[in-house]
Amino acid sequence: MSLSNPLGTDNRFHNVGVSARHQDFEQLARKGLKVLQEDPSEARLEELALSTDMSELGRFMSTKNRSDIGPSGPP
């Protein structure tokens, strides 16, 4: 934190160092994309991200970017 950055953020997402070792992210990502292809609604995305094991995909569920797979903290 500083006077020029009192919130202590750069407004970007960063890996927060949480390790997820017991998940096949490739398979989970394919499954998530398939489900969202069938129903791309915001409600379905929210349900998947909050109530299923797809929550471990992190921002990938929203962005569909491979680099966003896994846990990341908010800005």
C-alpha atoms as a PDB file:
ATOM      1  CA  MET A   1       0.000   0.000   0.000  1.00  0.00           C
ATOM      2  CA  SER A   2       1.066   3.534  -0.668  1.00  0.00           C
ATOM      3  CA  LEU A   3      -0.414   6.999  -1.103  1.00  0.00           C
ATOM      4  CA  SER A   4      -0.546   6.453  -4.861  1.00  0.00           C
ATOM      5  CA  ASN A   5      -2.194   3.032  -4.420  1.00  0.00           C
ATOM      6  CA  PRO A   6      -4.163   3.147  -1.134  1.00  0.00           C
ATOM      7  CA  LEU A   7      -6.223   0.049  -1.927  1.00  0.00           C
ATOM      8  CA  GLY A   8      -3.138  -2.124  -2.410  1.00  0.00           C
ATOM      9  CA  THR A   9      -4.285  -3.520  -5.752  1.00  0.00           C
ATOM     10  CA  ASP A  10      -3.369  -3.316  -9.397  1.00  0.00           C
ATOM     11  CA  ASN A  11      -6.955  -4.292 -10.349  1.00  0.00           C
ATOM     12  CA  ARG A  12      -5.826  -7.548 -11.985  1.00  0.00           C
ATOM     13  CA  PHE A  13      -6.342 -11.157 -10.972  1.00  0.00           C
ATOM     14  CA  HIS A  14      -3.365 -13.106  -9.628  1.00  0.00           C
ATOM     15  CA  ASN A  15      -2.690 -16.686  -8.672  1.00  0.00           C
ATOM     16  CA  VAL A  16      -3.051 -16.765  -4.894  1.00  0.00           C
ATOM     17  CA  GLY A  17      -0.891 -19.853  -4.490  1.00  0.00           C
ATOM     18  CA  VAL A  18      -3.633 -22.332  -3.653  1.00  0.00           C
ATOM     19  CA  SER A  19      -2.673 -25.715  -4.998  1.00  0.00           C
ATOM     20  CA  ALA A  20      -5.256 -28.045  -6.494  1.00  0.00           C
ATOM     21  CA  ARG A  21      -3.595 -31.380  -7.140  1.00  0.00           C
ATOM     22  CA  HIS A  22      -6.467 -33.826  -7.213  1.00  0.00           C
ATOM     23  CA  GLN A  23      -8.364 -32.527 -10.215  1.00  0.00           C
ATOM     24  CA  ASP A  24      -8.097 -33.276 -13.926  1.00  0.00           C
ATOM     25  CA  PHE A  25      -8.518 -29.684 -15.101  1.00  0.00           C
ATOM     26  CA  GLU A  26      -8.463 -30.556 -18.792  1.00  0.00           C
ATOM     27  CA  GLN A  27     -11.401 -32.930 -18.424  1.00  0.00           C
ATOM     28  CA  LEU A  28     -13.225 -30.564 -16.073  1.00  0.00           C
ATOM     29  CA  ALA A  29     -12.735 -27.641 -18.493  1.00  0.00           C
ATOM     30  CA  ARG A  30     -14.094 -29.682 -21.417  1.00  0.00           C
ATOM     31  CA  LYS A  31     -17.113 -30.664 -19.317  1.00  0.00           C
ATOM     32  CA  GLY A  32     -17.702 -27.039 -18.287  1.00  0.00           C
ATOM     33  CA  LEU A  33     -17.495 -25.784 -21.855  1.00  0.00           C
ATOM     34  CA  LYS A  34     -19.933 -28.451 -23.021  1.00  0.00           C
ATOM     35  CA  VAL A  35     -22.459 -27.577 -20.322  1.00  0.00           C
ATOM     36  CA  LEU A  36     -22.166 -23.862 -21.078  1.00  0.00           C
ATOM     37  CA  GLN A  37     -22.556 -24.524 -24.789  1.00  0.00           C
ATOM     38  CA  GLU A  38     -25.925 -26.128 -24.035  1.00  0.00           C
ATOM     39  CA  ASP A  39     -26.995 -23.324 -21.681  1.00  0.00           C
ATOM     40  CA  PRO A  40     -24.781 -20.202 -21.728  1.00  0.00           C
ATOM     41  CA  SER A  41     -27.007 -18.221 -19.372  1.00  0.00           C
ATOM     42  CA  GLU A  42     -25.521 -16.254 -16.515  1.00  0.00           C
ATOM     43  CA  ALA A  43     -27.672 -18.238 -14.082  1.00  0.00           C
ATOM     44  CA  ARG A  44     -26.189 -21.529 -15.322  1.00  0.00           C
ATOM     45  CA  LEU A  45     -22.660 -20.138 -15.147  1.00  0.00           C
ATOM     46  CA  GLU A  46     -23.252 -18.994 -11.595  1.00  0.00           C
ATOM     47  CA  GLU A  47     -24.681 -22.375 -10.610  1.00  0.00           C
ATOM     48  CA  LEU A  48     -21.693 -24.227 -12.076  1.00  0.00           C
ATOM     49  CA  ALA A  49     -19.161 -21.875 -10.530  1.00  0.00           C
ATOM     50  CA  LEU A  50     -20.693 -21.943  -7.062  1.00  0.00           C
ATOM     51  CA  SER A  51     -22.326 -25.344  -6.645  1.00  0.00           C
ATOM     52  CA  THR A  52     -20.193 -27.866  -8.548  1.00  0.00           C
ATOM     53  CA  ASP A  53     -16.617 -29.060  -8.750  1.00  0.00           C
ATOM     54  CA  MET A  54     -16.236 -26.678 -11.680  1.00  0.00           C
ATOM     55  CA  SER A  55     -15.631 -23.950  -9.127  1.00  0.00           C
ATOM     56  CA  GLU A  56     -12.028 -25.199  -9.148  1.00  0.00           C
ATOM     57  CA  LEU A  57     -11.675 -23.931 -12.710  1.00  0.00           C
ATOM     58  CA  GLY A  58     -11.544 -20.384 -11.373  1.00  0.00           C
ATOM     59  CA  ARG A  59     -12.042 -17.510 -13.827  1.00  0.00           C
ATOM     60  CA  PHE A  60     -11.888 -19.946 -16.741  1.00  0.00           C
ATOM     61  CA  MET A  61     -15.637 -20.471 -16.412  1.00  0.00           C
ATOM     62  CA  SER A  62     -16.158 -16.825 -17.346  1.00  0.00           C
ATOM     63  CA  THR A  63     -13.245 -16.061 -19.621  1.00  0.00           C
ATOM     64  CA  LYS A  64     -12.660 -19.429 -21.357  1.00  0.00           C
ATOM     65  CA  ASN A  65      -8.910 -18.614 -21.271  1.00  0.00           C
ATOM     66  CA  ARG A  66      -6.689 -21.575 -20.381  1.00  0.00           C
ATOM     67  CA  SER A  67      -4.412 -19.300 -18.356  1.00  0.00           C
ATOM     68  CA  ASP A  68      -7.340 -18.598 -16.006  1.00  0.00           C
ATOM     69  CA  ILE A  69      -7.777 -22.257 -14.970  1.00  0.00           C
ATOM     70  CA  GLY A  70      -7.278 -22.667 -11.249  1.00  0.00           C
ATOM     71  CA  PRO A  71      -7.646 -20.544  -8.152  1.00  0.00           C
ATOM     72  CA  SER A  72      -7.029 -16.839  -8.399  1.00  0.00           C
ATOM     73  CA  GLY A  73      -7.826 -13.977  -6.106  1.00  0.00           C
ATOM     74  CA  PRO A  74      -9.845 -10.897  -6.964  1.00  0.00           C
ATOM     75  CA  PRO A  75      -8.126  -7.609  -7.694  1.00  0.00           C
END
